[in-house]
Amino acid sequence: MPNGIEDEIENEGGDHREISVAEFFEKNYN
């Protein structure tokens, strides 16, 4: 059960990281 919770947190972190990278690229382009 605990593994499932950790997996969810890891997935969320990945999403947040992807968004941060996209935002960084957009800012650099602008």
C-alpha atoms as a PDB file:
ATOM      1  CA  MET A   1       0.000   0.000   0.000  1.00  0.00           C
ATOM      2  CA  PRO A   2       2.713   2.568   0.938  1.00  0.00           C
ATOM      3  CA  ASN A   3       4.385   1.938  -2.421  1.00  0.00           C
ATOM      4  CA  GLY A   4       1.222   3.084  -4.212  1.00  0.00           C
ATOM      5  CA  ILE A   5       1.290   6.387  -2.335  1.00  0.00           C
ATOM      6  CA  GLU A   6       4.987   6.891  -3.124  1.00  0.00           C
ATOM      7  CA  ASP A   7       4.310   6.111  -6.781  1.00  0.00           C
ATOM      8  CA  GLU A   8       1.606   8.794  -6.895  1.00  0.00           C
ATOM      9  CA  ILE A   9       3.943  11.358  -5.328  1.00  0.00           C
ATOM     10  CA  GLU A  10       6.725  10.459  -7.783  1.00  0.00           C
ATOM     11  CA  ASN A  11       4.343  10.823 -10.726  1.00  0.00           C
ATOM     12  CA  GLU A  12       3.208  14.240  -9.476  1.00  0.00           C
ATOM     13  CA  GLY A  13       6.826  15.348  -9.073  1.00  0.00           C
ATOM     14  CA  GLY A  14       7.584  14.334 -12.642  1.00  0.00           C
ATOM     15  CA  ASP A  15       4.633  16.330 -13.926  1.00  0.00           C
ATOM     16  CA  HIS A  16       5.714  19.393 -11.943  1.00  0.00           C
ATOM     17  CA  ARG A  17       9.266  19.068 -13.283  1.00  0.00           C
ATOM     18  CA  GLU A  18       8.035  18.820 -16.880  1.00  0.00           C
ATOM     19  CA  ILE A  19       5.924  21.962 -16.409  1.00  0.00           C
ATOM     20  CA  SER A  20       8.892  23.827 -14.879  1.00  0.00           C
ATOM     21  CA  VAL A  21      11.123  22.912 -17.838  1.00  0.00           C
ATOM     22  CA  ALA A  22       8.453  23.991 -20.340  1.00  0.00           C
ATOM     23  CA  GLU A  23       7.982  27.306 -18.528  1.00  0.00           C
ATOM     24  CA  PHE A  24      11.749  27.874 -18.417  1.00  0.00           C
ATOM     25  CA  PHE A  25      12.047  27.261 -22.164  1.00  0.00           C
ATOM     26  CA  GLU A  26       9.115  29.580 -22.874  1.00  0.00           C
ATOM     27  CA  LYS A  27      10.689  32.343 -20.766  1.00  0.00           C
ATOM     28  CA  ASN A  28      14.032  31.910 -22.563  1.00  0.00           C
ATOM     29  CA  TYR A  29      12.322  32.048 -25.967  1.00  0.00           C
ATOM     30  CA  ASN A  30      10.448  35.217 -24.990  1.00  0.00           C
END
